[in-house]
PDB file of all heavy atoms in Angstrom:
ATOM      1  N   CYS A   1      58.723 -33.979 -87.019  1.00  0.00           N
ATOM      2  CA  CYS A   1      58.728 -35.417 -86.594  1.00  0.00           C
ATOM      3  C   CYS A   1      57.211 -35.878 -86.663  1.00  0.00           C
ATOM      4  O   CYS A   1      56.389 -35.144 -86.239  1.00  0.00           O
ATOM      5  CB  CYS A   1      59.229 -35.541 -85.199  1.00  0.00           C
ATOM      6  SG  CYS A   1      60.889 -34.997 -84.960  1.00  0.00           S
ATOM      7  N   ALA A   2      57.054 -37.098 -87.100  1.00  0.00           N
ATOM      8  CA  ALA A   2      55.670 -37.605 -87.214  1.00  0.00           C
ATOM      9  C   ALA A   2      55.594 -39.066 -86.942  1.00  0.00           C
ATOM     10  O   ALA A   2      56.568 -39.850 -87.109  1.00  0.00           O
ATOM     11  CB  ALA A   2      55.137 -37.339 -88.648  1.00  0.00           C
ATOM     12  N   CYS A   3      54.403 -39.497 -86.424  1.00  0.00           N
ATOM     13  CA  CYS A   3      54.046 -40.859 -86.262  1.00  0.00           C
ATOM     14  C   CYS A   3      52.588 -41.028 -86.462  1.00  0.00           C
ATOM     15  O   CYS A   3      51.805 -40.273 -85.938  1.00  0.00           O
ATOM     16  CB  CYS A   3      54.432 -41.242 -84.847  1.00  0.00           C
ATOM     17  SG  CYS A   3      54.156 -43.033 -84.447  1.00  0.00           S
ATOM     18  N   GLY A   4      52.272 -42.006 -87.210  1.00  0.00           N
ATOM     19  CA  GLY A   4      50.814 -42.214 -87.575  1.00  0.00           C
ATOM     20  C   GLY A   4      50.678 -43.182 -88.702  1.00  0.00           C
ATOM     21  O   GLY A   4      51.582 -43.828 -89.143  1.00  0.00           O
ATOM     22  N   PRO A   5      49.431 -43.240 -89.208  1.00  0.00           N
ATOM     23  CA  PRO A   5      49.214 -44.209 -90.388  1.00  0.00           C
ATOM     24  C   PRO A   5      49.923 -43.780 -91.652  1.00  0.00           C
ATOM     25  O   PRO A   5      50.338 -42.622 -91.802  1.00  0.00           O
ATOM     26  CB  PRO A   5      47.649 -44.073 -90.523  1.00  0.00           C
ATOM     27  CG  PRO A   5      47.307 -42.715 -89.948  1.00  0.00           C
ATOM     28  CD  PRO A   5      48.210 -42.483 -88.833  1.00  0.00           C
ATOM     29  N   LYS A   6      50.135 -44.767 -92.561  1.00  0.00           N
ATOM     30  CA  LYS A   6      50.977 -44.516 -93.673  1.00  0.00           C
ATOM     31  C   LYS A   6      50.488 -43.364 -94.595  1.00  0.00           C
ATOM     32  O   LYS A   6      51.344 -42.611 -95.052  1.00  0.00           O
ATOM     33  CB  LYS A   6      51.159 -45.832 -94.473  1.00  0.00           C
ATOM     34  CG  LYS A   6      52.133 -45.721 -95.603  1.00  0.00           C
ATOM     35  CD  LYS A   6      52.471 -47.043 -96.269  1.00  0.00           C
ATOM     36  CE  LYS A   6      53.255 -47.925 -95.360  1.00  0.00           C
ATOM     37  NZ  LYS A   6      53.738 -49.142 -96.116  1.00  0.00           N
ATOM     38  N   PRO A   7      49.186 -43.242 -94.889  1.00  0.00           N
ATOM     39  CA  PRO A   7      48.811 -42.131 -95.741  1.00  0.00           C
ATOM     40  C   PRO A   7      49.200 -40.730 -95.146  1.00  0.00           C
ATOM     41  O   PRO A   7      49.603 -39.839 -95.872  1.00  0.00           O
ATOM     42  CB  PRO A   7      47.282 -42.283 -95.716  1.00  0.00           C
ATOM     43  CG  PRO A   7      46.991 -43.734 -95.538  1.00  0.00           C
ATOM     44  CD  PRO A   7      48.043 -44.170 -94.571  1.00  0.00           C
ATOM     45  N   MET A   8      49.146 -40.623 -93.771  1.00  0.00           N
ATOM     46  CA  MET A   8      49.499 -39.385 -93.102  1.00  0.00           C
ATOM     47  C   MET A   8      50.999 -39.200 -93.236  1.00  0.00           C
ATOM     48  O   MET A   8      51.512 -38.105 -93.674  1.00  0.00           O
ATOM     49  CB  MET A   8      49.201 -39.459 -91.711  1.00  0.00           C
ATOM     50  CG  MET A   8      49.737 -38.285 -90.828  1.00  0.00           C
ATOM     51  SD  MET A   8      49.566 -38.607 -89.077  1.00  0.00           S
ATOM     52  CE  MET A   8      51.109 -37.950 -88.543  1.00  0.00           C
ATOM     53  N   LEU A   9      51.824 -40.230 -93.057  1.00  0.00           N
ATOM     54  CA  LEU A   9      53.259 -40.152 -93.155  1.00  0.00           C
ATOM     55  C   LEU A   9      53.743 -39.833 -94.533  1.00  0.00           C
ATOM     56  O   LEU A   9      54.707 -39.022 -94.850  1.00  0.00           O
ATOM     57  CB  LEU A   9      53.991 -41.405 -92.699  1.00  0.00           C
ATOM     58  CG  LEU A   9      53.684 -41.742 -91.196  1.00  0.00           C
ATOM     59  CD1 LEU A   9      54.522 -43.027 -90.876  1.00  0.00           C
ATOM     60  CD2 LEU A   9      54.084 -40.647 -90.284  1.00  0.00           C
ATOM     61  N   ARG A  10      53.002 -40.403 -95.562  1.00  0.00           N
ATOM     62  CA  ARG A  10      53.288 -40.058 -97.005  1.00  0.00           C
ATOM     63  C   ARG A  10      53.153 -38.574 -97.267  1.00  0.00           C
ATOM     64  O   ARG A  10      53.920 -38.005 -97.924  1.00  0.00           O
ATOM     65  CB  ARG A  10      52.423 -40.984 -97.864  1.00  0.00           C
ATOM     66  CG  ARG A  10      52.796 -40.870 -99.331  1.00  0.00           C
ATOM     67  CD  ARG A  10      51.846 -41.785-100.185  1.00  0.00           C
ATOM     68  NE  ARG A  10      52.046 -43.186 -99.854  1.00  0.00           N
ATOM     69  CZ  ARG A  10      51.136 -44.034 -99.363  1.00  0.00           C
ATOM     70  NH1 ARG A  10      49.903 -43.499 -99.125  1.00  0.00           N
ATOM     71  NH2 ARG A  10      51.362 -45.235 -99.129  1.00  0.00           N
ATOM     72  N   ALA A  11      52.002 -38.078 -96.778  1.00  0.00           N
ATOM     73  CA  ALA A  11      51.750 -36.604 -96.993  1.00  0.00           C
ATOM     74  C   ALA A  11      52.767 -35.706 -96.208  1.00  0.00           C
ATOM     75  O   ALA A  11      53.236 -34.729 -96.808  1.00  0.00           O
ATOM     76  CB  ALA A  11      50.350 -36.288 -96.589  1.00  0.00           C
ATOM     77  N   VAL A  12      53.173 -36.130 -95.051  1.00  0.00           N
ATOM     78  CA  VAL A  12      54.107 -35.335 -94.292  1.00  0.00           C
ATOM     79  C   VAL A  12      55.507 -35.409 -94.955  1.00  0.00           C
ATOM     80  O   VAL A  12      56.201 -34.378 -95.105  1.00  0.00           O
ATOM     81  CB  VAL A  12      54.201 -35.849 -92.818  1.00  0.00           C
ATOM     82  CG1 VAL A  12      55.419 -35.201 -92.102  1.00  0.00           C
ATOM     83  CG2 VAL A  12      52.938 -35.648 -92.057  1.00  0.00           C
ATOM     84  N   LYS A  13      55.884 -36.588 -95.455  1.00  0.00           N
ATOM     85  CA  LYS A  13      57.087 -36.725 -96.132  1.00  0.00           C
ATOM     86  C   LYS A  13      57.202 -35.775 -97.409  1.00  0.00           C
ATOM     87  O   LYS A  13      58.179 -35.111 -97.672  1.00  0.00           O
ATOM     88  CB  LYS A  13      57.296 -38.201 -96.609  1.00  0.00           C
ATOM     89  CG  LYS A  13      58.420 -38.469 -97.550  1.00  0.00           C
ATOM     90  CD  LYS A  13      58.451 -40.024 -97.870  1.00  0.00           C
ATOM     91  CE  LYS A  13      59.365 -40.277 -99.091  1.00  0.00           C
ATOM     92  NZ  LYS A  13      60.774 -40.028 -98.806  1.00  0.00           N
ATOM     93  N   ALA A  14      56.095 -35.811 -98.225  1.00  0.00           N
ATOM     94  CA  ALA A  14      55.998 -34.980 -99.341  1.00  0.00           C
ATOM     95  C   ALA A  14      56.148 -33.492 -98.986  1.00  0.00           C
ATOM     96  O   ALA A  14      56.804 -32.751 -99.681  1.00  0.00           O
ATOM     97  CB  ALA A  14      54.671 -35.209-100.154  1.00  0.00           C
ATOM     98  N   TYR A  15      55.427 -33.112 -97.942  1.00  0.00           N
ATOM     99  CA  TYR A  15      55.448 -31.728 -97.521  1.00  0.00           C
ATOM    100  C   TYR A  15      56.865 -31.243 -97.113  1.00  0.00           C
ATOM    101  O   TYR A  15      57.326 -30.228 -97.462  1.00  0.00           O
ATOM    102  CB  TYR A  15      54.457 -31.504 -96.358  1.00  0.00           C
ATOM    103  CG  TYR A  15      54.515 -30.094 -95.753  1.00  0.00           C
ATOM    104  CD1 TYR A  15      53.741 -29.067 -96.280  1.00  0.00           C
ATOM    105  CD2 TYR A  15      55.335 -29.859 -94.617  1.00  0.00           C
ATOM    106  CE1 TYR A  15      53.874 -27.794 -95.677  1.00  0.00           C
ATOM    107  CE2 TYR A  15      55.397 -28.608 -94.011  1.00  0.00           C
ATOM    108  CZ  TYR A  15      54.642 -27.587 -94.597  1.00  0.00           C
ATOM    109  OH  TYR A  15      54.693 -26.344 -93.979  1.00  0.00           O
ATOM    110  N   ALA A  16      57.469 -32.169 -96.296  1.00  0.00           N
ATOM    111  CA  ALA A  16      58.842 -31.879 -95.775  1.00  0.00           C
ATOM    112  C   ALA A  16      59.834 -31.750 -96.914  1.00  0.00           C
ATOM    113  O   ALA A  16      60.668 -30.779 -97.022  1.00  0.00           O
ATOM    114  CB  ALA A  16      59.335 -32.959 -94.910  1.00  0.00           C
ATOM    115  N   GLU A  17      59.826 -32.594 -97.961  1.00  0.00           N
ATOM    116  CA  GLU A  17      60.767 -32.571 -99.036  1.00  0.00           C
ATOM    117  C   GLU A  17      60.480 -31.403 -99.927  1.00  0.00           C
ATOM    118  O   GLU A  17      61.373 -30.833-100.494  1.00  0.00           O
ATOM    119  CB  GLU A  17      60.726 -33.937 -99.698  1.00  0.00           C
ATOM    120  CG  GLU A  17      61.306 -35.028 -98.771  1.00  0.00           C
ATOM    121  CD  GLU A  17      61.282 -36.446 -99.403  1.00  0.00           C
ATOM    122  OE1 GLU A  17      60.892 -36.595-100.565  1.00  0.00           O
ATOM    123  OE2 GLU A  17      61.597 -37.360 -98.646  1.00  0.00           O
ATOM    124  N   GLU A  18      59.137 -31.125-100.188  1.00  0.00           N
ATOM    125  CA  GLU A  18      58.863 -29.936-100.973  1.00  0.00           C
ATOM    126  C   GLU A  18      59.370 -28.652-100.392  1.00  0.00           C
ATOM    127  O   GLU A  18      59.714 -27.632-101.104  1.00  0.00           O
ATOM    128  CB  GLU A  18      57.386 -29.882-101.174  1.00  0.00           C
ATOM    129  CG  GLU A  18      56.794 -30.943-102.116  1.00  0.00           C
ATOM    130  CD  GLU A  18      55.263 -30.968-102.146  1.00  0.00           C
ATOM    131  OE1 GLU A  18      54.705 -30.056-101.470  1.00  0.00           O
ATOM    132  OE2 GLU A  18      54.694 -31.854-102.718  1.00  0.00           O
ATOM    133  N   ASN A  19      59.390 -28.561 -99.050  1.00  0.00           N
ATOM    134  CA  ASN A  19      59.769 -27.370 -98.422  1.00  0.00           C
ATOM    135  C   ASN A  19      61.142 -27.374 -97.814  1.00  0.00           C
ATOM    136  O   ASN A  19      61.536 -26.480 -97.079  1.00  0.00           O
ATOM    137  CB  ASN A  19      58.764 -27.080 -97.271  1.00  0.00           C
ATOM    138  CG  ASN A  19      57.385 -26.658 -97.835  1.00  0.00           C
ATOM    139  OD1 ASN A  19      57.068 -25.544 -98.191  1.00  0.00           O
ATOM    140  ND2 ASN A  19      56.481 -27.600 -97.900  1.00  0.00           N
ATOM    141  N   ASP A  20      61.821 -28.454 -98.081  1.00  0.00           N
ATOM    142  CA  ASP A  20      63.239 -28.624 -97.640  1.00  0.00           C
ATOM    143  C   ASP A  20      63.448 -28.582 -96.159  1.00  0.00           C
ATOM    144  O   ASP A  20      64.222 -27.806 -95.594  1.00  0.00           O
ATOM    145  CB  ASP A  20      64.202 -27.603 -98.316  1.00  0.00           C
ATOM    146  CG  ASP A  20      65.664 -27.946 -98.238  1.00  0.00           C
ATOM    147  OD1 ASP A  20      65.964 -29.182 -98.135  1.00  0.00           O
ATOM    148  OD2 ASP A  20      66.517 -27.063 -98.222  1.00  0.00           O
ATOM    149  N   ILE A  21      62.514 -29.341 -95.431  1.00  0.00           N
ATOM    150  CA  ILE A  21      62.546 -29.283 -93.960  1.00  0.00           C
ATOM    151  C   ILE A  21      63.032 -30.701 -93.479  1.00  0.00           C
ATOM    152  O   ILE A  21      62.533 -31.692 -93.959  1.00  0.00           O
ATOM    153  CB  ILE A  21      61.164 -29.062 -93.401  1.00  0.00           C
ATOM    154  CG1 ILE A  21      60.594 -27.730 -93.864  1.00  0.00           C
ATOM    155  CG2 ILE A  21      61.160 -29.096 -91.834  1.00  0.00           C
ATOM    156  CD1 ILE A  21      59.177 -27.476 -93.502  1.00  0.00           C
ATOM    157  N   PRO A  22      64.021 -30.783 -92.656  1.00  0.00           N
ATOM    158  CA  PRO A  22      64.455 -32.073 -92.127  1.00  0.00           C
ATOM    159  C   PRO A  22      63.323 -32.759 -91.385  1.00  0.00           C
ATOM    160  O   PRO A  22      62.555 -32.073 -90.695  1.00  0.00           O
ATOM    161  CB  PRO A  22      65.600 -31.671 -91.113  1.00  0.00           C
ATOM    162  CG  PRO A  22      66.069 -30.307 -91.491  1.00  0.00           C
ATOM    163  CD  PRO A  22      64.824 -29.615 -92.093  1.00  0.00           C
ATOM    164  N   CYS A  23      63.150 -34.048 -91.632  1.00  0.00           N
ATOM    165  CA  CYS A  23      61.933 -34.691 -91.254  1.00  0.00           C
ATOM    166  C   CYS A  23      62.298 -36.123 -90.786  1.00  0.00           C
ATOM    167  O   CYS A  23      62.974 -36.855 -91.521  1.00  0.00           O
ATOM    168  CB  CYS A  23      60.811 -34.654 -92.236  1.00  0.00           C
ATOM    169  SG  CYS A  23      59.333 -35.567 -91.825  1.00  0.00           S
ATOM    170  N   TRP A  24      61.733 -36.533 -89.606  1.00  0.00           N
ATOM    171  CA  TRP A  24      61.874 -37.893 -89.153  1.00  0.00           C
ATOM    172  C   TRP A  24      60.468 -38.528 -89.003  1.00  0.00           C
ATOM    173  O   TRP A  24      59.616 -37.881 -88.440  1.00  0.00           O
ATOM    174  CB  TRP A  24      62.665 -38.014 -87.864  1.00  0.00           C
ATOM    175  CG  TRP A  24      64.109 -37.808 -88.099  1.00  0.00           C
ATOM    176  CD1 TRP A  24      65.071 -38.829 -88.232  1.00  0.00           C
ATOM    177  CD2 TRP A  24      64.903 -36.543 -88.128  1.00  0.00           C
ATOM    178  NE1 TRP A  24      66.265 -38.219 -88.392  1.00  0.00           N
ATOM    179  CE2 TRP A  24      66.136 -36.864 -88.292  1.00  0.00           C
ATOM    180  CE3 TRP A  24      64.546 -35.205 -87.944  1.00  0.00           C
ATOM    181  CZ2 TRP A  24      67.179 -35.932 -88.355  1.00  0.00           C
ATOM    182  CZ3 TRP A  24      65.460 -34.251 -88.009  1.00  0.00           C
ATOM    183  CH2 TRP A  24      66.871 -34.606 -88.173  1.00  0.00           C
ATOM    184  N   LEU A  25      60.308 -39.733 -89.514  1.00  0.00           N
ATOM    185  CA  LEU A  25      59.054 -40.410 -89.475  1.00  0.00           C
ATOM    186  C   LEU A  25      59.168 -41.742 -88.727  1.00  0.00           C
ATOM    187  O   LEU A  25      60.122 -42.489 -88.845  1.00  0.00           O
ATOM    188  CB  LEU A  25      58.623 -40.849 -90.948  1.00  0.00           C
ATOM    189  CG  LEU A  25      58.573 -39.667 -91.987  1.00  0.00           C
ATOM    190  CD1 LEU A  25      58.278 -40.270 -93.291  1.00  0.00           C
ATOM    191  CD2 LEU A  25      57.550 -38.637 -91.576  1.00  0.00           C
ATOM    192  N   SER A  26      58.138 -41.955 -87.884  1.00  0.00           N
ATOM    193  CA  SER A  26      58.079 -43.228 -87.119  1.00  0.00           C
ATOM    194  C   SER A  26      57.092 -44.150 -87.819  1.00  0.00           C
ATOM    195  O   SER A  26      55.875 -43.793 -87.865  1.00  0.00           O
ATOM    196  CB  SER A  26      57.672 -43.079 -85.648  1.00  0.00           C
ATOM    197  OG  SER A  26      57.669 -44.303 -85.015  1.00  0.00           O
ATOM    198  N   LEU A  27      57.554 -45.210 -88.432  1.00  0.00           N
ATOM    199  CA  LEU A  27      56.628 -46.056 -89.179  1.00  0.00           C
ATOM    200  C   LEU A  27      55.882 -47.038 -88.385  1.00  0.00           C
ATOM    201  O   LEU A  27      56.434 -47.654 -87.425  1.00  0.00           O
ATOM    202  CB  LEU A  27      57.445 -46.789 -90.293  1.00  0.00           C
ATOM    203  CG  LEU A  27      57.669 -46.053 -91.631  1.00  0.00           C
ATOM    204  CD1 LEU A  27      58.374 -44.694 -91.374  1.00  0.00           C
ATOM    205  CD2 LEU A  27      58.532 -46.923 -92.550  1.00  0.00           C
ATOM    206  N   GLU A  28      54.657 -47.372 -88.709  1.00  0.00           N
ATOM    207  CA  GLU A  28      53.814 -48.363 -88.082  1.00  0.00           C
ATOM    208  C   GLU A  28      53.720 -49.557 -89.082  1.00  0.00           C
ATOM    209  O   GLU A  28      53.289 -49.367 -90.182  1.00  0.00           O
ATOM    210  CB  GLU A  28      52.468 -47.832 -87.840  1.00  0.00           C
ATOM    211  CG  GLU A  28      52.420 -46.693 -86.809  1.00  0.00           C
ATOM    212  CD  GLU A  28      50.947 -46.224 -86.556  1.00  0.00           C
ATOM    213  OE1 GLU A  28      50.086 -46.532 -87.347  1.00  0.00           O
ATOM    214  OE2 GLU A  28      50.784 -45.484 -85.532  1.00  0.00           O
ATOM    215  N   GLU A  29      54.264 -50.708 -88.649  1.00  0.00           N
ATOM    216  CA  GLU A  29      54.180 -51.882 -89.487  1.00  0.00           C
ATOM    217  C   GLU A  29      53.845 -53.112 -88.595  1.00  0.00           C
ATOM    218  O   GLU A  29      54.199 -53.141 -87.410  1.00  0.00           O
ATOM    219  CB  GLU A  29      55.496 -52.155 -90.198  1.00  0.00           C
ATOM    220  CG  GLU A  29      55.863 -51.188 -91.354  1.00  0.00           C
ATOM    221  CD  GLU A  29      55.028 -51.255 -92.542  1.00  0.00           C
ATOM    222  OE1 GLU A  29      54.356 -52.389 -92.774  1.00  0.00           O
ATOM    223  OE2 GLU A  29      54.975 -50.349 -93.322  1.00  0.00           O
ATOM    224  N   ARG A  30      53.183 -54.058 -89.151  1.00  0.00           N
ATOM    225  CA  ARG A  30      53.050 -55.366 -88.421  1.00  0.00           C
ATOM    226  C   ARG A  30      54.393 -55.999 -88.127  1.00  0.00           C
ATOM    227  O   ARG A  30      55.234 -56.022 -89.042  1.00  0.00           O
ATOM    228  CB  ARG A  30      52.070 -56.291 -89.212  1.00  0.00           C
ATOM    229  CG  ARG A  30      50.687 -55.864 -89.268  1.00  0.00           C
ATOM    230  CD  ARG A  30      49.811 -56.935 -89.966  1.00  0.00           C
ATOM    231  NE  ARG A  30      48.385 -56.489 -89.951  1.00  0.00           N
ATOM    232  CZ  ARG A  30      47.492 -56.696 -89.009  1.00  0.00           C
ATOM    233  NH1 ARG A  30      47.928 -57.426 -87.926  1.00  0.00           N
ATOM    234  NH2 ARG A  30      46.255 -56.399 -89.022  1.00  0.00           N
ATOM    235  N   MET A  31      54.606 -56.510 -86.970  1.00  0.00           N
ATOM    236  CA  MET A  31      55.861 -57.087 -86.563  1.00  0.00           C
ATOM    237  C   MET A  31      55.714 -58.496 -86.090  1.00  0.00           C
ATOM    238  O   MET A  31      54.590 -58.844 -85.660  1.00  0.00           O
ATOM    239  CB  MET A  31      56.574 -56.268 -85.578  1.00  0.00           C
ATOM    240  CG  MET A  31      57.011 -54.844 -86.030  1.00  0.00           C
ATOM    241  SD  MET A  31      57.796 -53.989 -84.673  1.00  0.00           S
ATOM    242  CE  MET A  31      57.937 -52.416 -85.433  1.00  0.00           C
ATOM    243  N   ALA A  32      56.732 -59.284 -86.185  1.00  0.00           N
ATOM    244  CA  ALA A  32      56.738 -60.641 -85.646  1.00  0.00           C
ATOM    245  C   ALA A  32      57.763 -60.804 -84.533  1.00  0.00           C
ATOM    246  O   ALA A  32      57.339 -60.740 -83.426  1.00  0.00           O
ATOM    247  CB  ALA A  32      56.991 -61.665 -86.779  1.00  0.00           C
ATOM    248  N   CYS A  33      59.015 -60.869 -84.822  1.00  0.00           N
ATOM    249  CA  CYS A  33      60.006 -61.027 -83.850  1.00  0.00           C
ATOM    250  C   CYS A  33      60.311 -59.833 -83.009  1.00  0.00           C
ATOM    251  O   CYS A  33      60.598 -59.771 -81.813  1.00  0.00           O
ATOM    252  CB  CYS A  33      61.337 -61.620 -84.400  1.00  0.00           C
ATOM    253  SG  CYS A  33      62.263 -60.420 -85.372  1.00  0.00           S
TER     254      CYS A  33
END
């Protein structure tokens, strides 16, 4: 499970998928409503 800036999440996603590990990411984005 990960939460952080997009470059970090991109690297975690790649690591998880390369190693076939279930992974959940919490994305940080600018929001309005």
